């Protein structure tokens, strides 16, 4: 089952790359921006609970979808890019085994312990 879920996340990541290819940005923007959502981990400097909230907001796929759809509705390439990057990053993390975080420890995730 774990492998099946990782394949599903990989397919979604590849879908995000396809959507990015439809935007009017140079190819290098995708890898350059892909790790930016990890800046949300700065909350762990305060404590694990704050870190988990910040991390989970930035890594929730619904946020990326919502921002991307708002960008589509407004014909904003920048908002579509932000949504695609957030979504792609979350998919990439889940392929690597990083799930959403519980508030007790960075290593306690929705996909199990790291």
N, C-alpha and C. Protein backbone atom coordinates (compact mmCIF):
# COMPACT_ATOMS: atom_id res chain seq x y z
N UNK A 1 0.82 -1.20 0.00
CA UNK A 1 0.00 0.00 0.00
C UNK A 1 0.86 1.26 0.00
N UNK A 2 1.95 1.23 0.78
CA UNK A 2 2.82 2.40 0.86
C UNK A 2 3.38 2.77 -0.52
N UNK A 3 3.77 1.76 -1.29
CA UNK A 3 4.32 2.01 -2.62
C UNK A 3 3.23 2.57 -3.55
N UNK A 4 2.02 2.07 -3.43
CA UNK A 4 0.91 2.56 -4.25
C UNK A 4 0.64 4.04 -3.97
N UNK A 5 0.69 4.43 -2.69
CA UNK A 5 0.49 5.83 -2.33
C UNK A 5 1.62 6.71 -2.85
N UNK A 6 2.84 6.21 -2.80
CA UNK A 6 3.97 6.98 -3.33
C UNK A 6 3.86 7.14 -4.84
N UNK A 7 3.39 6.11 -5.53
CA UNK A 7 3.20 6.22 -6.98
C UNK A 7 2.11 7.24 -7.31
N UNK A 8 1.07 7.28 -6.49
CA UNK A 8 0.01 8.26 -6.69
C UNK A 8 0.56 9.68 -6.52
N UNK A 9 1.37 9.89 -5.49
CA UNK A 9 1.98 11.20 -5.27
C UNK A 9 2.93 11.57 -6.40
N UNK A 10 3.67 10.59 -6.90
CA UNK A 10 4.57 10.84 -8.03
C UNK A 10 3.79 11.26 -9.26
N UNK A 11 2.66 10.60 -9.51
CA UNK A 11 1.82 10.97 -10.65
C UNK A 11 1.31 12.40 -10.50
N UNK A 12 0.95 12.79 -9.29
CA UNK A 12 0.49 14.16 -9.06
C UNK A 12 1.62 15.16 -9.25
N UNK A 13 2.82 14.79 -8.81
CA UNK A 13 3.99 15.65 -9.01
C UNK A 13 4.24 15.85 -10.51
N UNK A 14 4.19 14.77 -11.27
CA UNK A 14 4.37 14.88 -12.72
C UNK A 14 3.27 15.72 -13.36
N UNK A 15 2.05 15.62 -12.83
CA UNK A 15 0.96 16.47 -13.30
C UNK A 15 1.24 17.94 -13.03
N UNK A 16 1.84 18.24 -11.88
CA UNK A 16 2.20 19.62 -11.57
C UNK A 16 3.26 20.13 -12.52
N UNK A 17 4.22 19.28 -12.88
CA UNK A 17 5.22 19.68 -13.87
C UNK A 17 4.56 19.99 -15.20
N UNK A 18 3.60 19.16 -15.60
CA UNK A 18 2.87 19.40 -16.84
C UNK A 18 2.14 20.74 -16.78
N UNK A 19 1.44 21.01 -15.67
CA UNK A 19 0.73 22.29 -15.55
C UNK A 19 1.71 23.46 -15.60
N UNK A 20 2.86 23.31 -14.93
CA UNK A 20 3.87 24.36 -14.99
C UNK A 20 4.31 24.62 -16.42
N UNK A 21 4.43 23.56 -17.21
CA UNK A 21 4.89 23.72 -18.60
C UNK A 21 3.92 24.55 -19.43
N UNK A 22 2.69 24.69 -18.98
CA UNK A 22 1.69 25.49 -19.69
C UNK A 22 1.75 26.97 -19.33
N UNK A 23 2.54 27.30 -18.32
CA UNK A 23 2.71 28.70 -17.93
C UNK A 23 3.83 29.34 -18.73
N UNK A 24 3.86 30.66 -18.72
CA UNK A 24 4.87 31.40 -19.48
C UNK A 24 6.08 31.77 -18.62
N UNK A 25 6.69 30.76 -18.01
CA UNK A 25 7.89 30.96 -17.21
C UNK A 25 8.99 30.08 -17.77
N UNK A 26 10.23 30.55 -17.65
CA UNK A 26 11.37 29.73 -18.06
C UNK A 26 11.39 28.46 -17.21
N UNK A 27 11.92 27.37 -17.77
CA UNK A 27 11.92 26.06 -17.10
C UNK A 27 12.60 26.10 -15.74
N UNK A 28 13.62 26.94 -15.59
CA UNK A 28 14.42 26.95 -14.36
C UNK A 28 13.66 27.50 -13.16
N UNK A 29 12.53 28.17 -13.38
CA UNK A 29 11.74 28.67 -12.26
C UNK A 29 11.22 27.52 -11.39
N UNK A 30 10.85 26.41 -12.02
CA UNK A 30 10.29 25.29 -11.27
C UNK A 30 11.28 24.75 -10.24
N UNK A 31 12.48 24.32 -10.65
CA UNK A 31 13.42 23.82 -9.62
C UNK A 31 13.90 24.91 -8.67
N UNK A 32 13.97 26.15 -9.15
CA UNK A 32 14.44 27.24 -8.30
C UNK A 32 13.47 27.51 -7.15
N UNK A 33 12.18 27.34 -7.39
CA UNK A 33 11.17 27.65 -6.38
C UNK A 33 10.69 26.43 -5.59
N UNK A 34 11.02 25.26 -6.03
CA UNK A 34 10.44 24.03 -5.50
C UNK A 34 10.66 23.83 -4.00
N UNK A 35 11.75 24.28 -3.46
CA UNK A 35 12.03 24.07 -2.04
C UNK A 35 11.59 25.23 -1.14
N UNK A 36 11.07 26.30 -1.73
CA UNK A 36 10.66 27.46 -0.93
C UNK A 36 9.62 27.14 0.15
N UNK A 37 8.66 26.25 -0.09
CA UNK A 37 7.70 25.96 0.99
C UNK A 37 8.34 25.44 2.27
N UNK A 38 9.56 24.93 2.18
CA UNK A 38 10.23 24.44 3.38
C UNK A 38 10.67 25.57 4.31
N UNK A 39 10.58 26.81 3.85
CA UNK A 39 10.84 27.93 4.75
C UNK A 39 9.84 27.96 5.90
N UNK A 40 8.72 27.30 5.71
CA UNK A 40 7.70 27.23 6.77
C UNK A 40 8.20 26.50 8.00
N UNK A 41 9.29 25.76 7.87
CA UNK A 41 9.86 25.04 9.03
C UNK A 41 10.47 25.99 10.05
N UNK A 42 10.57 27.26 9.72
CA UNK A 42 11.15 28.24 10.64
C UNK A 42 10.38 28.28 11.95
N UNK A 43 9.11 27.89 11.91
CA UNK A 43 8.29 27.86 13.12
C UNK A 43 8.82 26.91 14.17
N UNK A 44 9.58 25.91 13.76
CA UNK A 44 10.16 24.97 14.72
C UNK A 44 11.21 25.64 15.61
N UNK A 45 11.68 26.82 15.24
CA UNK A 45 12.60 27.57 16.10
C UNK A 45 11.86 27.99 17.37
N UNK A 46 10.56 28.29 17.24
CA UNK A 46 9.76 28.71 18.39
C UNK A 46 9.44 27.49 19.26
N UNK A 47 8.75 26.51 18.67
CA UNK A 47 8.47 25.25 19.35
C UNK A 47 7.80 24.30 18.35
N UNK A 48 7.71 23.00 18.70
CA UNK A 48 7.16 22.03 17.75
C UNK A 48 5.70 22.30 17.35
N UNK A 49 4.91 22.84 18.26
CA UNK A 49 3.50 23.08 17.94
C UNK A 49 3.37 24.20 16.89
N UNK A 50 4.08 25.29 17.08
CA UNK A 50 4.05 26.39 16.11
C UNK A 50 4.64 25.92 14.78
N UNK A 51 5.72 25.18 14.86
CA UNK A 51 6.35 24.66 13.66
C UNK A 51 5.40 23.77 12.87
N UNK A 52 4.67 22.91 13.58
CA UNK A 52 3.74 22.00 12.90
C UNK A 52 2.63 22.76 12.20
N UNK A 53 2.09 23.78 12.86
CA UNK A 53 1.02 24.58 12.24
C UNK A 53 1.53 25.27 10.98
N UNK A 54 2.67 25.92 11.08
CA UNK A 54 3.22 26.63 9.91
C UNK A 54 3.56 25.65 8.78
N UNK A 55 4.18 24.53 9.14
CA UNK A 55 4.54 23.53 8.15
C UNK A 55 3.29 22.97 7.48
N UNK A 56 2.29 22.62 8.27
CA UNK A 56 1.08 22.00 7.72
C UNK A 56 0.29 22.95 6.82
N UNK A 57 0.27 24.23 7.15
CA UNK A 57 -0.41 25.19 6.27
C UNK A 57 0.29 25.24 4.92
N UNK A 58 1.61 25.37 4.94
CA UNK A 58 2.37 25.49 3.69
C UNK A 58 2.41 24.19 2.89
N UNK A 59 2.19 23.06 3.54
CA UNK A 59 2.31 21.77 2.88
C UNK A 59 0.97 21.07 2.64
N UNK A 60 -0.12 21.79 2.88
CA UNK A 60 -1.44 21.21 2.62
C UNK A 60 -1.76 21.40 1.15
N UNK A 61 -2.03 20.32 0.46
CA UNK A 61 -2.25 20.40 -0.98
C UNK A 61 -3.45 21.26 -1.35
N UNK A 62 -4.44 21.33 -0.47
CA UNK A 62 -5.62 22.14 -0.76
C UNK A 62 -5.25 23.62 -0.91
N UNK A 63 -4.25 24.09 -0.17
CA UNK A 63 -3.82 25.48 -0.30
C UNK A 63 -3.26 25.73 -1.69
N UNK A 64 -2.41 24.83 -2.17
CA UNK A 64 -1.86 24.97 -3.52
C UNK A 64 -2.95 24.94 -4.58
N UNK A 65 -3.90 24.03 -4.42
CA UNK A 65 -5.01 23.94 -5.38
C UNK A 65 -5.83 25.22 -5.36
N UNK A 66 -6.16 25.72 -4.16
CA UNK A 66 -6.96 26.93 -4.03
C UNK A 66 -6.26 28.14 -4.67
N UNK A 67 -4.99 28.32 -4.35
CA UNK A 67 -4.25 29.45 -4.93
C UNK A 67 -4.15 29.31 -6.45
N UNK A 68 -3.90 28.10 -6.92
CA UNK A 68 -3.83 27.87 -8.37
C UNK A 68 -5.16 28.17 -9.06
N UNK A 69 -6.27 27.76 -8.44
CA UNK A 69 -7.58 28.03 -9.04
C UNK A 69 -7.94 29.51 -9.02
N UNK A 70 -7.55 30.20 -7.93
CA UNK A 70 -7.75 31.66 -7.89
C UNK A 70 -6.94 32.31 -9.01
N UNK A 71 -5.72 31.84 -9.20
CA UNK A 71 -4.88 32.35 -10.29
C UNK A 71 -5.51 32.09 -11.64
N UNK A 72 -6.09 30.92 -11.82
CA UNK A 72 -6.76 30.59 -13.08
C UNK A 72 -7.96 31.50 -13.30
N UNK A 73 -8.76 31.70 -12.25
CA UNK A 73 -9.94 32.56 -12.36
C UNK A 73 -9.57 34.01 -12.65
N UNK A 74 -8.44 34.44 -12.10
CA UNK A 74 -8.00 35.83 -12.30
C UNK A 74 -7.04 35.98 -13.47
N UNK A 75 -6.76 34.90 -14.15
CA UNK A 75 -5.79 34.88 -15.25
C UNK A 75 -4.44 35.42 -14.79
N UNK A 76 -4.04 35.01 -13.57
CA UNK A 76 -2.77 35.44 -12.99
C UNK A 76 -1.76 34.30 -13.07
N UNK A 77 -0.79 34.44 -13.96
CA UNK A 77 0.25 33.42 -14.09
C UNK A 77 1.04 33.26 -12.79
N UNK A 78 1.26 34.36 -12.07
CA UNK A 78 2.04 34.29 -10.83
C UNK A 78 1.29 33.47 -9.79
N UNK A 79 -0.01 33.71 -9.61
CA UNK A 79 -0.77 32.92 -8.64
C UNK A 79 -0.85 31.46 -9.05
N UNK A 80 -1.00 31.20 -10.34
CA UNK A 80 -1.00 29.81 -10.80
C UNK A 80 0.35 29.16 -10.49
N UNK A 81 1.43 29.89 -10.70
CA UNK A 81 2.77 29.37 -10.38
C UNK A 81 2.89 29.06 -8.90
N UNK A 82 2.46 29.96 -8.04
CA UNK A 82 2.53 29.73 -6.59
C UNK A 82 1.75 28.47 -6.23
N UNK A 83 0.54 28.34 -6.76
CA UNK A 83 -0.27 27.16 -6.47
C UNK A 83 0.38 25.87 -6.94
N UNK A 84 0.93 25.90 -8.14
CA UNK A 84 1.59 24.71 -8.69
C UNK A 84 2.81 24.34 -7.86
N UNK A 85 3.59 25.33 -7.46
CA UNK A 85 4.79 25.06 -6.66
C UNK A 85 4.41 24.47 -5.30
N UNK A 86 3.41 25.04 -4.64
CA UNK A 86 2.97 24.51 -3.35
C UNK A 86 2.49 23.07 -3.48
N UNK A 87 1.68 22.82 -4.51
CA UNK A 87 1.15 21.48 -4.73
C UNK A 87 2.28 20.50 -5.07
N UNK A 88 3.15 20.88 -5.99
CA UNK A 88 4.25 20.00 -6.41
C UNK A 88 5.17 19.68 -5.24
N UNK A 89 5.47 20.69 -4.43
CA UNK A 89 6.36 20.47 -3.29
C UNK A 89 5.74 19.47 -2.32
N UNK A 90 4.45 19.63 -2.05
CA UNK A 90 3.78 18.71 -1.13
C UNK A 90 3.79 17.28 -1.67
N UNK A 91 3.57 17.13 -2.96
CA UNK A 91 3.63 15.80 -3.59
C UNK A 91 5.04 15.22 -3.46
N UNK A 92 6.04 16.04 -3.75
CA UNK A 92 7.43 15.59 -3.68
C UNK A 92 7.77 15.13 -2.26
N UNK A 93 7.34 15.91 -1.26
CA UNK A 93 7.59 15.53 0.13
C UNK A 93 6.96 14.19 0.46
N UNK A 94 5.74 13.98 0.00
CA UNK A 94 5.04 12.74 0.34
C UNK A 94 5.67 11.54 -0.37
N UNK A 95 6.20 11.75 -1.56
CA UNK A 95 6.94 10.67 -2.22
C UNK A 95 8.15 10.28 -1.36
N UNK A 96 8.78 11.27 -0.76
CA UNK A 96 9.96 11.04 0.08
C UNK A 96 9.60 10.55 1.49
N UNK A 97 8.30 10.48 1.79
CA UNK A 97 7.88 9.97 3.10
C UNK A 97 7.60 11.02 4.14
N UNK A 98 7.63 12.30 3.76
CA UNK A 98 7.35 13.38 4.70
C UNK A 98 5.88 13.75 4.61
N UNK A 99 5.15 13.47 5.67
CA UNK A 99 3.74 13.82 5.71
C UNK A 99 3.53 15.10 6.50
N UNK A 100 2.27 15.41 6.72
CA UNK A 100 1.93 16.54 7.58
C UNK A 100 2.36 16.20 9.00
N UNK A 101 2.64 17.24 9.79
CA UNK A 101 3.27 17.04 11.10
C UNK A 101 2.26 17.11 12.24
N UNK A 102 2.51 16.26 13.25
CA UNK A 102 1.82 16.38 14.52
C UNK A 102 2.58 17.41 15.35
N UNK A 103 1.90 17.98 16.36
CA UNK A 103 2.52 19.10 17.08
C UNK A 103 3.51 18.71 18.17
N UNK A 104 3.83 17.44 18.30
CA UNK A 104 4.77 17.04 19.34
C UNK A 104 6.21 16.91 18.86
N UNK A 105 6.39 16.66 17.54
CA UNK A 105 7.75 16.46 17.02
C UNK A 105 7.75 16.56 15.50
N UNK A 106 8.83 17.10 14.95
CA UNK A 106 8.96 17.17 13.50
C UNK A 106 8.94 15.78 12.87
N UNK A 107 9.44 14.81 13.60
CA UNK A 107 9.55 13.45 13.06
C UNK A 107 8.26 12.64 13.17
N UNK A 108 7.23 13.18 13.83
CA UNK A 108 5.95 12.51 13.96
C UNK A 108 5.02 13.04 12.87
N UNK A 109 4.84 12.24 11.81
CA UNK A 109 4.08 12.71 10.65
C UNK A 109 2.86 11.84 10.37
N UNK A 110 2.02 12.34 9.51
CA UNK A 110 0.82 11.61 9.11
C UNK A 110 1.15 10.32 8.37
N UNK A 111 2.36 10.21 7.86
CA UNK A 111 2.79 9.00 7.15
C UNK A 111 3.61 8.07 8.03
N UNK A 112 3.70 8.39 9.31
CA UNK A 112 4.47 7.57 10.23
C UNK A 112 5.70 8.32 10.73
N UNK A 113 6.50 7.65 11.50
CA UNK A 113 7.71 8.27 12.07
C UNK A 113 8.80 8.34 11.02
N UNK A 114 9.55 9.43 11.06
CA UNK A 114 10.70 9.58 10.14
C UNK A 114 11.91 8.90 10.72
